[in-house]
Amino acid sequence: MKPHANNQLVELVNLFHAYEQQNPGATVADFCRYHLATEKMKDEEKIMSPVTEEEVPLTGRLGRLLGIASKYADFYWRKMVELTGLDSVEDFGYLACTYQLKSPTKSELILYNISSFPSGIEVIKRLVRKGWLEESPDAHDKRSKRLAVTPEGLLVLQRCIPAAQHIADVIFPMLTHEEQEILHQLLSKLNRHHAERYPGIRQKNMAEILEITGESGNEKRLG
């Protein structure tokens, strides 16, 4: 075997080892799909992007692309709202999350939706007024109330779910099934990381967040 081929094989083994460490339980097939898809995306990015890597850091490009994708998704969700008669995208999100969480407290629901407390309370009040959510005392904390989806709210959810599926069909059709699996795996990892930290930092300022997350060395660049 030629030295160049040996080097490539060693590099591939190292990549698999790193992937396995970051994704416990992953199979060789998972790694192959991930590696082939990422190499393909790198090639496509070189063709499509007029900006070199030296001009924009990878994390900067990732952040921008996530932000843009979020705006496109928000655009489609608001179009869905027009079809279903809901007042806002948040109405669907709070209904769906309440159903998923079974019987959350108001604070749990607001935190799960990554909302500010005042805006979250307004959404909950609106859904209760419409008869789509109902409140009940918390058996473990008299100061709290738990929420549940009413039969009327369940009908609203059932009406919205097909429209929500159409949004997924519009957003992801250009990705192969393998690419969708990889994207789901990567976004799930990113979500877990931030979901664990968000409750403890949501009331902090940026300097405090950088200190807590170990990125305080970047604080000077914010000043």
N, C-alpha and C. Protein backbone atom coordinates (compact mmCIF):
# COMPACT_ATOMS: atom_id res chain seq x y z
N MET A 1 0.85 -1.19 0.00
CA MET A 1 0.00 0.00 0.00
C MET A 1 0.89 1.24 0.00
N LYS A 2 0.56 2.22 -0.83
CA LYS A 2 1.36 3.43 -0.94
C LYS A 2 1.25 4.28 0.32
N PRO A 3 2.34 5.05 0.63
CA PRO A 3 2.32 5.90 1.84
C PRO A 3 1.14 6.86 1.86
N HIS A 4 0.78 7.44 0.69
CA HIS A 4 -0.34 8.39 0.65
C HIS A 4 -1.65 7.71 1.06
N ALA A 5 -1.83 6.47 0.59
CA ALA A 5 -3.04 5.72 0.94
C ALA A 5 -3.05 5.40 2.43
N ASN A 6 -1.86 5.07 2.97
CA ASN A 6 -1.75 4.81 4.40
C ASN A 6 -2.17 6.03 5.21
N ASN A 7 -1.69 7.20 4.79
CA ASN A 7 -2.02 8.44 5.49
C ASN A 7 -3.52 8.72 5.46
N GLN A 8 -4.13 8.48 4.31
CA GLN A 8 -5.57 8.70 4.20
C GLN A 8 -6.35 7.74 5.11
N LEU A 9 -5.87 6.49 5.19
CA LEU A 9 -6.55 5.51 6.04
C LEU A 9 -6.43 5.90 7.51
N VAL A 10 -5.24 6.33 7.91
CA VAL A 10 -5.03 6.77 9.29
C VAL A 10 -5.93 7.97 9.60
N GLU A 11 -6.01 8.91 8.66
CA GLU A 11 -6.86 10.09 8.85
C GLU A 11 -8.32 9.67 9.01
N LEU A 12 -8.75 8.70 8.20
CA LEU A 12 -10.14 8.23 8.26
C LEU A 12 -10.42 7.56 9.60
N VAL A 13 -9.48 6.75 10.08
CA VAL A 13 -9.64 6.08 11.37
C VAL A 13 -9.72 7.12 12.49
N ASN A 14 -8.87 8.15 12.42
CA ASN A 14 -8.90 9.20 13.44
C ASN A 14 -10.22 9.96 13.41
N LEU A 15 -10.73 10.21 12.22
CA LEU A 15 -12.01 10.90 12.10
C LEU A 15 -13.13 10.06 12.70
N PHE A 16 -13.08 8.75 12.43
CA PHE A 16 -14.10 7.86 13.00
C PHE A 16 -14.01 7.84 14.52
N HIS A 17 -12.79 7.81 15.04
CA HIS A 17 -12.60 7.79 16.50
C HIS A 17 -13.19 9.06 17.12
N ALA A 18 -12.91 10.22 16.50
CA ALA A 18 -13.43 11.48 17.02
C ALA A 18 -14.95 11.51 16.95
N TYR A 19 -15.51 11.00 15.84
CA TYR A 19 -16.96 10.96 15.67
C TYR A 19 -17.60 10.06 16.72
N GLU A 20 -16.95 8.90 16.98
CA GLU A 20 -17.48 7.94 17.95
C GLU A 20 -17.46 8.53 19.36
N GLN A 21 -16.43 9.30 19.68
CA GLN A 21 -16.33 9.93 21.00
C GLN A 21 -17.44 10.96 21.20
N GLN A 22 -17.78 11.69 20.14
CA GLN A 22 -18.79 12.73 20.23
C GLN A 22 -20.21 12.20 20.10
N ASN A 23 -20.33 10.99 19.54
CA ASN A 23 -21.66 10.41 19.32
C ASN A 23 -21.67 8.96 19.81
N PRO A 24 -21.73 8.76 21.13
CA PRO A 24 -21.72 7.39 21.69
C PRO A 24 -22.83 6.53 21.09
N GLY A 25 -22.47 5.32 20.74
CA GLY A 25 -23.46 4.41 20.17
C GLY A 25 -23.56 4.48 18.66
N ALA A 26 -22.83 5.43 18.04
CA ALA A 26 -22.87 5.56 16.59
C ALA A 26 -22.22 4.35 15.94
N THR A 27 -22.73 3.97 14.78
CA THR A 27 -22.20 2.83 14.04
C THR A 27 -21.27 3.30 12.93
N VAL A 28 -20.57 2.35 12.32
CA VAL A 28 -19.72 2.67 11.18
C VAL A 28 -20.56 3.24 10.04
N ALA A 29 -21.77 2.70 9.87
CA ALA A 29 -22.66 3.21 8.82
C ALA A 29 -23.03 4.67 9.09
N ASP A 30 -23.29 5.01 10.38
CA ASP A 30 -23.60 6.39 10.73
C ASP A 30 -22.44 7.30 10.35
N PHE A 31 -21.23 6.85 10.68
CA PHE A 31 -20.04 7.65 10.37
C PHE A 31 -19.87 7.82 8.87
N CYS A 32 -20.06 6.77 8.11
CA CYS A 32 -19.89 6.85 6.66
C CYS A 32 -20.87 7.85 6.04
N ARG A 33 -22.13 7.80 6.49
CA ARG A 33 -23.12 8.76 5.99
C ARG A 33 -22.71 10.17 6.34
N TYR A 34 -22.27 10.35 7.58
CA TYR A 34 -21.85 11.68 8.05
C TYR A 34 -20.65 12.18 7.25
N HIS A 35 -19.64 11.33 7.09
CA HIS A 35 -18.42 11.75 6.42
C HIS A 35 -18.67 12.09 4.95
N LEU A 36 -19.41 11.22 4.27
CA LEU A 36 -19.67 11.46 2.85
C LEU A 36 -20.50 12.73 2.65
N ALA A 37 -21.48 12.92 3.52
CA ALA A 37 -22.34 14.10 3.39
C ALA A 37 -21.56 15.38 3.67
N THR A 38 -20.70 15.37 4.70
CA THR A 38 -19.94 16.58 5.03
C THR A 38 -18.93 16.91 3.93
N GLU A 39 -18.30 15.89 3.34
CA GLU A 39 -17.36 16.13 2.25
C GLU A 39 -18.09 16.70 1.03
N LYS A 40 -19.31 16.19 0.78
CA LYS A 40 -20.09 16.70 -0.34
C LYS A 40 -20.48 18.15 -0.10
N MET A 41 -20.87 18.47 1.14
CA MET A 41 -21.27 19.84 1.44
C MET A 41 -20.09 20.80 1.35
N LYS A 42 -18.89 20.33 1.73
CA LYS A 42 -17.70 21.17 1.60
C LYS A 42 -17.44 21.52 0.14
N ASP A 43 -17.59 20.52 -0.73
CA ASP A 43 -17.38 20.77 -2.16
C ASP A 43 -18.40 21.75 -2.71
N GLU A 44 -19.68 21.58 -2.29
CA GLU A 44 -20.72 22.48 -2.77
C GLU A 44 -20.51 23.90 -2.25
N GLU A 45 -20.02 24.01 -1.01
CA GLU A 45 -19.79 25.33 -0.41
C GLU A 45 -18.68 26.07 -1.15
N LYS A 46 -17.63 25.33 -1.58
CA LYS A 46 -16.55 25.96 -2.31
C LYS A 46 -17.05 26.55 -3.62
N ILE A 47 -18.01 25.87 -4.23
CA ILE A 47 -18.55 26.34 -5.51
C ILE A 47 -19.47 27.53 -5.31
N MET A 48 -20.31 27.49 -4.26
CA MET A 48 -21.36 28.48 -4.09
C MET A 48 -20.92 29.72 -3.33
N SER A 49 -19.97 29.60 -2.41
CA SER A 49 -19.63 30.72 -1.54
C SER A 49 -18.56 31.60 -2.17
N PRO A 50 -18.84 32.92 -2.31
CA PRO A 50 -17.84 33.84 -2.84
C PRO A 50 -16.86 34.32 -1.77
N VAL A 51 -17.08 33.91 -0.52
CA VAL A 51 -16.26 34.36 0.60
C VAL A 51 -15.32 33.24 1.02
N THR A 52 -14.05 33.56 1.24
CA THR A 52 -13.08 32.55 1.64
C THR A 52 -13.16 32.30 3.13
N GLU A 53 -12.62 31.15 3.58
CA GLU A 53 -12.62 30.80 4.99
C GLU A 53 -11.82 31.79 5.81
N GLU A 54 -10.77 32.37 5.18
CA GLU A 54 -9.94 33.31 5.91
C GLU A 54 -10.72 34.58 6.26
N GLU A 55 -11.71 34.94 5.45
CA GLU A 55 -12.46 36.17 5.67
C GLU A 55 -13.54 36.00 6.75
N VAL A 56 -14.16 34.83 6.80
CA VAL A 56 -15.22 34.58 7.78
C VAL A 56 -14.94 33.26 8.50
N PRO A 57 -14.79 33.27 9.84
CA PRO A 57 -14.55 32.02 10.57
C PRO A 57 -15.71 31.04 10.39
N LEU A 58 -15.41 29.76 10.55
CA LEU A 58 -16.43 28.73 10.39
C LEU A 58 -17.60 28.96 11.33
N THR A 59 -17.30 29.31 12.60
CA THR A 59 -18.40 29.53 13.55
C THR A 59 -19.27 30.71 13.12
N GLY A 60 -18.65 31.70 12.51
CA GLY A 60 -19.42 32.84 12.02
C GLY A 60 -20.35 32.45 10.89
N ARG A 61 -19.83 31.60 9.98
CA ARG A 61 -20.67 31.13 8.87
C ARG A 61 -21.81 30.25 9.38
N LEU A 62 -21.49 29.40 10.36
CA LEU A 62 -22.53 28.55 10.94
C LEU A 62 -23.63 29.39 11.59
N GLY A 63 -23.21 30.38 12.38
CA GLY A 63 -24.19 31.23 13.05
C GLY A 63 -25.08 31.98 12.07
N ARG A 64 -24.47 32.49 11.02
CA ARG A 64 -25.25 33.22 10.01
C ARG A 64 -26.24 32.28 9.31
N LEU A 65 -25.78 31.09 8.94
CA LEU A 65 -26.66 30.15 8.24
C LEU A 65 -27.81 29.69 9.14
N LEU A 66 -27.52 29.46 10.43
CA LEU A 66 -28.58 29.08 11.36
C LEU A 66 -29.60 30.21 11.49
N GLY A 67 -29.10 31.44 11.57
CA GLY A 67 -29.99 32.58 11.67
C GLY A 67 -30.87 32.74 10.45
N ILE A 68 -30.28 32.58 9.27
CA ILE A 68 -31.04 32.69 8.02
C ILE A 68 -32.08 31.57 7.93
N ALA A 69 -31.66 30.34 8.25
CA ALA A 69 -32.59 29.20 8.21
C ALA A 69 -33.76 29.42 9.16
N SER A 70 -33.47 30.01 10.33
CA SER A 70 -34.52 30.29 11.30
C SER A 70 -35.52 31.30 10.75
N LYS A 71 -35.02 32.30 10.02
CA LYS A 71 -35.91 33.31 9.43
C LYS A 71 -36.79 32.69 8.34
N TYR A 72 -36.21 31.82 7.53
CA TYR A 72 -37.03 31.14 6.52
C TYR A 72 -38.11 30.29 7.18
N ALA A 73 -37.72 29.54 8.22
CA ALA A 73 -38.69 28.70 8.92
C ALA A 73 -39.80 29.55 9.53
N ASP A 74 -39.44 30.70 10.12
CA ASP A 74 -40.42 31.59 10.71
C ASP A 74 -41.38 32.11 9.64
N PHE A 75 -40.86 32.41 8.46
CA PHE A 75 -41.69 32.87 7.34
C PHE A 75 -42.75 31.82 6.99
N TYR A 76 -42.32 30.57 6.87
CA TYR A 76 -43.26 29.50 6.52
C TYR A 76 -44.27 29.25 7.64
N TRP A 77 -43.81 29.31 8.90
CA TRP A 77 -44.72 29.10 10.02
C TRP A 77 -45.80 30.17 10.06
N ARG A 78 -45.43 31.40 9.76
CA ARG A 78 -46.43 32.49 9.77
C ARG A 78 -47.44 32.33 8.64
N LYS A 79 -46.99 31.76 7.53
CA LYS A 79 -47.93 31.44 6.46
C LYS A 79 -48.89 30.34 6.91
N MET A 80 -48.39 29.39 7.71
CA MET A 80 -49.24 28.33 8.24
C MET A 80 -50.30 28.90 9.17
N VAL A 81 -49.92 29.91 9.98
CA VAL A 81 -50.85 30.53 10.91
C VAL A 81 -52.03 31.13 10.16
N GLU A 82 -51.77 31.72 8.99
CA GLU A 82 -52.84 32.33 8.19
C GLU A 82 -53.87 31.29 7.77
N LEU A 83 -53.42 30.05 7.56
CA LEU A 83 -54.33 28.99 7.12
C LEU A 83 -55.15 28.40 8.26
N THR A 84 -54.61 28.43 9.47
CA THR A 84 -55.24 27.72 10.58
C THR A 84 -56.11 28.60 11.47
N GLY A 85 -55.98 29.92 11.34
CA GLY A 85 -56.78 30.81 12.17
C GLY A 85 -56.20 31.09 13.53
N LEU A 86 -54.98 30.63 13.79
CA LEU A 86 -54.32 30.96 15.06
C LEU A 86 -53.90 32.42 15.06
N ASP A 87 -53.72 32.98 16.24
CA ASP A 87 -53.29 34.37 16.34
C ASP A 87 -51.80 34.52 16.08
N SER A 88 -51.01 33.49 16.42
CA SER A 88 -49.56 33.60 16.26
C SER A 88 -48.94 32.21 16.20
N VAL A 89 -47.68 32.19 15.75
CA VAL A 89 -46.92 30.94 15.74
C VAL A 89 -46.77 30.40 17.15
N GLU A 90 -46.64 31.33 18.12
CA GLU A 90 -46.46 30.92 19.51
C GLU A 90 -47.65 30.13 20.02
N ASP A 91 -48.86 30.44 19.54
CA ASP A 91 -50.04 29.70 19.97
C ASP A 91 -49.87 28.20 19.68
N PHE A 92 -49.44 27.90 18.46
CA PHE A 92 -49.24 26.50 18.09
C PHE A 92 -48.13 25.88 18.92
N GLY A 93 -47.03 26.62 19.09
CA GLY A 93 -45.90 26.10 19.85
C GLY A 93 -46.28 25.77 21.28
N TYR A 94 -47.03 26.66 21.93
CA TYR A 94 -47.41 26.44 23.33
C TYR A 94 -48.43 25.31 23.45
N LEU A 95 -49.34 25.21 22.50
CA LEU A 95 -50.30 24.11 22.52
C LEU A 95 -49.58 22.77 22.34
N ALA A 96 -48.71 22.71 21.33
CA ALA A 96 -48.01 21.46 21.04
C ALA A 96 -47.11 21.04 22.19
N CYS A 97 -46.42 22.01 22.79
CA CYS A 97 -45.51 21.69 23.90
C CYS A 97 -46.28 21.26 25.15
N THR A 98 -47.43 21.88 25.40
CA THR A 98 -48.25 21.47 26.54
C THR A 98 -48.72 20.03 26.36
N TYR A 99 -49.13 19.70 25.15
CA TYR A 99 -49.56 18.33 24.87
C TYR A 99 -48.40 17.35 25.03
N GLN A 100 -47.23 17.75 24.56
CA GLN A 100 -46.05 16.88 24.64
C GLN A 100 -45.59 16.68 26.08
N LEU A 101 -45.63 17.76 26.88
CA LEU A 101 -45.15 17.70 28.26
C LEU A 101 -46.21 17.17 29.23
N LYS A 102 -47.41 16.94 28.72
CA LYS A 102 -48.53 16.37 29.48
C LYS A 102 -49.18 17.39 30.42
N SER A 103 -48.51 17.78 31.49
CA SER A 103 -49.10 18.71 32.46
C SER A 103 -48.02 19.62 33.05
N PRO A 104 -47.44 20.51 32.23
CA PRO A 104 -46.36 21.36 32.72
C PRO A 104 -46.88 22.51 33.57
N THR A 105 -46.02 23.05 34.42
CA THR A 105 -46.35 24.32 35.08
C THR A 105 -46.14 25.43 34.06
N LYS A 106 -46.63 26.62 34.40
CA LYS A 106 -46.45 27.74 33.48
C LYS A 106 -44.97 28.03 33.26
N SER A 107 -44.20 27.99 34.33
CA SER A 107 -42.77 28.28 34.21
C SER A 107 -42.07 27.24 33.34
N GLU A 108 -42.42 25.97 33.50
CA GLU A 108 -41.81 24.91 32.70
C GLU A 108 -42.13 25.10 31.22
N LEU A 109 -43.37 25.49 30.93
CA LEU A 109 -43.78 25.67 29.54
C LEU A 109 -43.06 26.86 28.90
N ILE A 110 -42.96 27.94 29.65
CA ILE A 110 -42.27 29.14 29.14
C ILE A 110 -40.80 28.84 28.90
N LEU A 111 -40.18 28.15 29.83
CA LEU A 111 -38.76 27.80 29.70
C LEU A 111 -38.55 26.88 28.51
N TYR A 112 -39.45 25.93 28.32
CA TYR A 112 -39.33 24.96 27.23
C TYR A 112 -39.41 25.66 25.88
N ASN A 113 -40.20 26.74 25.81
CA ASN A 113 -40.37 27.49 24.57
C ASN A 113 -39.33 28.60 24.40
N ILE A 114 -38.40 28.71 25.34
CA ILE A 114 -37.33 29.70 25.29
C ILE A 114 -37.93 31.10 25.11
N SER A 115 -38.96 31.40 25.89
CA SER A 115 -39.62 32.70 25.84
C SER A 115 -39.28 33.52 27.08
N SER A 116 -39.48 34.83 26.98
CA SER A 116 -39.40 35.65 28.18
C SER A 116 -40.64 35.38 29.00
N PHE A 117 -40.55 35.56 30.32
CA PHE A 117 -41.69 35.24 31.18
C PHE A 117 -42.93 36.10 30.84
N PRO A 118 -42.79 37.44 30.67
CA PRO A 118 -43.98 38.25 30.37
C PRO A 118 -44.67 37.84 29.07
N SER A 119 -43.89 37.61 27.99
CA SER A 119 -44.53 37.24 26.72
C SER A 119 -45.13 35.84 26.80
N GLY A 120 -44.47 34.93 27.54
CA GLY A 120 -45.02 33.59 27.70
C GLY A 120 -46.33 33.59 28.46
N ILE A 121 -46.42 34.40 29.50
CA ILE A 121 -47.66 34.50 30.27
C ILE A 121 -48.79 35.01 29.40
N GLU A 122 -48.49 35.97 28.52
CA GLU A 122 -49.53 36.51 27.63
C GLU A 122 -50.06 35.44 26.68
N VAL A 123 -49.17 34.61 26.15
CA VAL A 123 -49.60 33.52 25.27
C VAL A 123 -50.49 32.54 26.04
N ILE A 124 -50.07 32.18 27.25
CA ILE A 124 -50.85 31.24 28.07
C ILE A 124 -52.23 31.82 28.39
N LYS A 125 -52.28 33.09 28.78
CA LYS A 125 -53.57 33.73 29.09
C LYS A 125 -54.49 33.70 27.86
N ARG A 126 -53.92 33.97 26.69
CA ARG A 126 -54.72 33.99 25.46
C ARG A 126 -55.30 32.60 25.17
N LEU A 127 -54.49 31.57 25.35
CA LEU A 127 -54.94 30.20 25.07
C LEU A 127 -55.97 29.73 26.10
N VAL A 128 -55.83 30.18 27.34
CA VAL A 128 -56.82 29.85 28.38
C VAL A 128 -58.14 30.55 28.06
N ARG A 129 -58.08 31.83 27.66
CA ARG A 129 -59.30 32.57 27.32
C ARG A 129 -60.06 31.91 26.16
N LYS A 130 -59.31 31.37 25.21
CA LYS A 130 -59.93 30.72 24.06
C LYS A 130 -60.47 29.33 24.40
N GLY A 131 -60.12 28.84 25.58
CA GLY A 131 -60.59 27.52 25.98
C GLY A 131 -59.74 26.39 25.42
N TRP A 132 -58.52 26.71 24.97
CA TRP A 132 -57.65 25.69 24.40
C TRP A 132 -56.70 25.09 25.44
N LEU A 133 -56.43 25.86 26.51
CA LEU A 133 -55.67 25.36 27.64
C LEU A 133 -56.50 25.54 28.90
N GLU A 134 -56.30 24.66 29.87
CA GLU A 134 -56.97 24.81 31.15
C GLU A 134 -55.94 24.72 32.28
N GLU A 135 -56.21 25.45 33.36
CA GLU A 135 -55.31 25.48 34.50
C GLU A 135 -55.84 24.60 35.62
N SER A 136 -54.93 24.05 36.41
CA SER A 136 -55.31 23.27 37.59
C SER A 136 -54.24 23.48 38.65
N PRO A 137 -54.61 23.37 39.94
CA PRO A 137 -53.62 23.56 41.01
C PRO A 137 -52.51 22.51 40.95
N ASP A 138 -51.32 22.94 41.31
CA ASP A 138 -50.19 22.02 41.40
C ASP A 138 -50.23 21.34 42.77
N ALA A 139 -50.33 20.03 42.77
CA ALA A 139 -50.45 19.29 44.03
C ALA A 139 -49.22 19.45 44.92
N HIS A 140 -48.07 19.79 44.34
CA HIS A 140 -46.83 19.88 45.10
C HIS A 140 -46.43 21.31 45.44
N ASP A 141 -47.07 22.28 44.80
CA ASP A 141 -46.71 23.69 45.03
C ASP A 141 -47.96 24.54 44.87
N LYS A 142 -48.49 25.03 45.97
CA LYS A 142 -49.74 25.81 45.93
C LYS A 142 -49.58 27.12 45.17
N ARG A 143 -48.33 27.57 45.00
CA ARG A 143 -48.12 28.83 44.28
C ARG A 143 -48.17 28.64 42.77
N SER A 144 -48.07 27.41 42.32
CA SER A 144 -48.01 27.13 40.88
C SER A 144 -49.32 26.53 40.37
N LYS A 145 -49.50 26.65 39.06
CA LYS A 145 -50.62 26.01 38.39
C LYS A 145 -50.09 25.20 37.21
N ARG A 146 -50.74 24.09 36.98
CA ARG A 146 -50.36 23.24 35.85
C ARG A 146 -51.34 23.45 34.70
N LEU A 147 -50.87 23.15 33.52
CA LEU A 147 -51.65 23.39 32.31
C LEU A 147 -51.91 22.07 31.58
N ALA A 148 -53.02 22.03 30.87
CA ALA A 148 -53.35 20.87 30.06
C ALA A 148 -54.14 21.34 28.83
N VAL A 149 -54.02 20.59 27.76
CA VAL A 149 -54.76 20.92 26.54
C VAL A 149 -56.19 20.44 26.69
N THR A 150 -57.15 21.30 26.39
CA THR A 150 -58.56 20.93 26.47
C THR A 150 -58.97 20.17 25.21
N PRO A 151 -60.15 19.55 25.22
CA PRO A 151 -60.61 18.89 23.98
C PRO A 151 -60.68 19.85 22.80
N GLU A 152 -61.09 21.11 23.06
CA GLU A 152 -61.11 22.11 21.98
C GLU A 152 -59.71 22.41 21.48
N GLY A 153 -58.76 22.49 22.41
CA GLY A 153 -57.37 22.74 22.02
C GLY A 153 -56.80 21.58 21.22
N LEU A 154 -57.21 20.37 21.58
CA LEU A 154 -56.73 19.19 20.85
C LEU A 154 -57.23 19.21 19.41
N LEU A 155 -58.46 19.67 19.21
CA LEU A 155 -58.99 19.79 17.85
C LEU A 155 -58.18 20.79 17.04
N VAL A 156 -57.80 21.89 17.68
CA VAL A 156 -56.98 22.90 17.01
C VAL A 156 -55.63 22.29 16.60
N LEU A 157 -55.03 21.54 17.52
CA LEU A 157 -53.75 20.89 17.22
C LEU A 157 -53.89 19.92 16.04
N GLN A 158 -54.95 19.14 16.06
CA GLN A 158 -55.15 18.16 14.99
C GLN A 158 -55.35 18.85 13.64
N ARG A 159 -55.93 20.05 13.68
CA ARG A 159 -56.12 20.81 12.44
C ARG A 159 -54.80 21.38 11.95
N CYS A 160 -53.90 21.69 12.88
CA CYS A 160 -52.63 22.34 12.52
C CYS A 160 -51.54 21.36 12.09
N ILE A 161 -51.61 20.12 12.58
CA ILE A 161 -50.52 19.18 12.34
C ILE A 161 -50.27 18.93 10.84
N PRO A 162 -51.30 18.74 10.01
CA PRO A 162 -51.01 18.56 8.57
C PRO A 162 -50.32 19.78 7.97
N ALA A 163 -50.74 20.98 8.39
CA ALA A 163 -50.10 22.20 7.89
C ALA A 163 -48.64 22.27 8.34
N ALA A 164 -48.39 21.84 9.57
CA ALA A 164 -47.01 21.83 10.09
C ALA A 164 -46.14 20.86 9.29
N GLN A 165 -46.72 19.73 8.89
CA GLN A 165 -45.96 18.76 8.09
C GLN A 165 -45.63 19.34 6.72
N HIS A 166 -46.55 20.15 6.17
CA HIS A 166 -46.28 20.79 4.89
C HIS A 166 -45.06 21.71 5.00
N ILE A 167 -44.89 22.36 6.16
CA ILE A 167 -43.74 23.24 6.36
C ILE A 167 -42.45 22.44 6.29
N ALA A 168 -42.43 21.29 6.94
CA ALA A 168 -41.25 20.42 6.88
C ALA A 168 -40.96 20.00 5.45
N ASP A 169 -42.02 19.72 4.69
CA ASP A 169 -41.85 19.31 3.30
C ASP A 169 -41.26 20.44 2.45
N VAL A 170 -41.58 21.68 2.81
CA VAL A 170 -41.08 22.84 2.07
C VAL A 170 -39.63 23.15 2.45
N ILE A 171 -39.29 22.97 3.71
CA ILE A 171 -37.96 23.37 4.20
C ILE A 171 -36.87 22.39 3.80
N PHE A 172 -37.16 21.08 3.82
CA PHE A 172 -36.10 20.08 3.71
C PHE A 172 -36.05 19.25 2.42
N PRO A 173 -36.79 19.57 1.36
CA PRO A 173 -36.86 18.64 0.23
C PRO A 173 -35.54 18.45 -0.50
N MET A 174 -34.63 19.43 -0.44
CA MET A 174 -33.37 19.33 -1.16
C MET A 174 -32.34 18.43 -0.46
N LEU A 175 -32.63 18.05 0.80
CA LEU A 175 -31.72 17.19 1.55
C LEU A 175 -32.12 15.72 1.36
N THR A 176 -31.13 14.88 1.16
CA THR A 176 -31.41 13.44 1.10
C THR A 176 -31.78 12.95 2.50
N HIS A 177 -32.31 11.72 2.56
CA HIS A 177 -32.68 11.16 3.86
C HIS A 177 -31.46 11.07 4.76
N GLU A 178 -30.32 10.69 4.20
CA GLU A 178 -29.09 10.59 5.00
C GLU A 178 -28.67 11.95 5.53
N GLU A 179 -28.78 12.98 4.69
CA GLU A 179 -28.42 14.33 5.12
C GLU A 179 -29.36 14.83 6.21
N GLN A 180 -30.64 14.49 6.09
CA GLN A 180 -31.59 14.88 7.13
C GLN A 180 -31.25 14.21 8.45
N GLU A 181 -30.85 12.94 8.41
CA GLU A 181 -30.47 12.23 9.63
C GLU A 181 -29.25 12.89 10.28
N ILE A 182 -28.28 13.26 9.47
CA ILE A 182 -27.07 13.90 9.99
C ILE A 182 -27.40 15.26 10.58
N LEU A 183 -28.22 16.04 9.86
CA LEU A 183 -28.61 17.35 10.36
C LEU A 183 -29.35 17.22 11.68
N HIS A 184 -30.24 16.23 11.77
CA HIS A 184 -30.98 16.00 13.01
C HIS A 184 -30.03 15.65 14.15
N GLN A 185 -29.05 14.82 13.86
CA GLN A 185 -28.09 14.41 14.88
C GLN A 185 -27.28 15.62 15.37
N LEU A 186 -26.81 16.44 14.45
CA LEU A 186 -25.99 17.60 14.82
C LEU A 186 -26.81 18.65 15.57
N LEU A 187 -28.02 18.93 15.09
CA LEU A 187 -28.85 19.93 15.76
C LEU A 187 -29.31 19.44 17.13
N SER A 188 -29.54 18.14 17.27
CA SER A 188 -29.92 17.58 18.57
C SER A 188 -28.78 17.75 19.57
N LYS A 189 -27.57 17.53 19.11
CA LYS A 189 -26.40 17.72 19.97
C LYS A 189 -26.28 19.17 20.39
N LEU A 190 -26.46 20.08 19.45
CA LEU A 190 -26.39 21.52 19.75
C LEU A 190 -27.50 21.92 20.72
N ASN A 191 -28.70 21.38 20.50
CA ASN A 191 -29.83 21.70 21.35
C ASN A 191 -29.63 21.20 22.77
N ARG A 192 -29.11 19.98 22.92
CA ARG A 192 -28.86 19.43 24.26
C ARG A 192 -27.88 20.30 25.03
N HIS A 193 -26.84 20.75 24.34
CA HIS A 193 -25.81 21.58 24.98
C HIS A 193 -26.44 22.85 25.56
N HIS A 194 -27.24 23.54 24.75
CA HIS A 194 -27.80 24.81 25.19
C HIS A 194 -28.99 24.63 26.14
N ALA A 195 -29.74 23.54 25.96
CA ALA A 195 -30.87 23.29 26.85
C ALA A 195 -30.40 23.06 28.28
N GLU A 196 -29.23 22.43 28.43
CA GLU A 196 -28.69 22.19 29.77
C GLU A 196 -28.25 23.49 30.44
N ARG A 197 -27.77 24.45 29.66
CA ARG A 197 -27.21 25.67 30.22
C ARG A 197 -28.20 26.83 30.30
N TYR A 198 -29.21 26.82 29.44
CA TYR A 198 -30.12 27.96 29.34
C TYR A 198 -30.80 28.34 30.65
N PRO A 199 -31.34 27.39 31.43
CA PRO A 199 -32.02 27.79 32.67
C PRO A 199 -31.12 28.57 33.62
N GLY A 200 -29.84 28.27 33.63
CA GLY A 200 -28.94 28.93 34.57
C GLY A 200 -28.36 30.24 34.07
N ILE A 201 -28.51 30.53 32.78
CA ILE A 201 -27.90 31.76 32.24
C ILE A 201 -28.91 32.74 31.66
N ARG A 202 -30.20 32.37 31.65
CA ARG A 202 -31.18 33.21 30.95
C ARG A 202 -31.32 34.60 31.53
N GLN A 203 -30.99 34.80 32.82
CA GLN A 203 -31.08 36.11 33.44
C GLN A 203 -29.73 36.82 33.50
N LYS A 204 -28.69 36.23 32.92
CA LYS A 204 -27.36 36.80 32.98
C LYS A 204 -27.10 37.74 31.81
N ASN A 205 -26.12 38.66 31.98
CA ASN A 205 -25.70 39.46 30.84
C ASN A 205 -24.62 38.69 30.07
N MET A 206 -24.19 39.23 28.92
CA MET A 206 -23.30 38.48 28.05
C MET A 206 -21.95 38.22 28.70
N ALA A 207 -21.43 39.20 29.44
CA ALA A 207 -20.14 39.01 30.10
C ALA A 207 -20.22 37.86 31.11
N GLU A 208 -21.32 37.78 31.85
CA GLU A 208 -21.51 36.71 32.83
C GLU A 208 -21.66 35.36 32.13
N ILE A 209 -22.36 35.35 30.98
CA ILE A 209 -22.54 34.10 30.24
C ILE A 209 -21.20 33.59 29.73
N LEU A 210 -20.37 34.50 29.22
CA LEU A 210 -19.05 34.10 28.74
C LEU A 210 -18.20 33.53 29.87
N GLU A 211 -18.33 34.11 31.06
CA GLU A 211 -17.57 33.64 32.22
C GLU A 211 -18.02 32.23 32.61
N ILE A 212 -19.34 32.03 32.63
CA ILE A 212 -19.90 30.74 33.04
C ILE A 212 -19.57 29.65 32.04
N THR A 213 -19.63 29.98 30.75
CA THR A 213 -19.42 28.97 29.71
C THR A 213 -17.96 28.77 29.36
N GLY A 214 -17.07 29.50 30.06
CA GLY A 214 -15.65 29.32 29.81
C GLY A 214 -15.13 30.04 28.60
N GLU A 215 -15.89 31.03 28.10
CA GLU A 215 -15.48 31.79 26.93
C GLU A 215 -15.12 33.22 27.29
N SER A 216 -14.68 33.45 28.53
CA SER A 216 -14.41 34.81 29.00
C SER A 216 -13.30 35.46 28.22
N GLY A 217 -12.46 34.68 27.56
CA GLY A 217 -11.39 35.25 26.76
C GLY A 217 -11.90 36.05 25.60
N ASN A 218 -13.17 35.82 25.22
CA ASN A 218 -13.77 36.57 24.12
C ASN A 218 -14.39 37.88 24.57
N GLU A 219 -14.42 38.11 25.87
CA GLU A 219 -15.10 39.29 26.40
C GLU A 219 -14.51 40.57 25.87
N LYS A 220 -13.18 40.61 25.70
CA LYS A 220 -12.54 41.82 25.21
C LYS A 220 -13.03 42.21 23.84
N ARG A 221 -13.39 41.20 23.03
CA ARG A 221 -13.85 41.50 21.67
C ARG A 221 -15.25 42.08 21.68
N LEU A 222 -15.98 41.96 22.82
CA LEU A 222 -17.32 42.51 22.91
C LEU A 222 -17.31 43.96 23.37
N GLY A 223 -16.21 44.38 23.97
CA GLY A 223 -16.14 45.71 24.53
C GLY A 223 -15.85 46.77 23.50
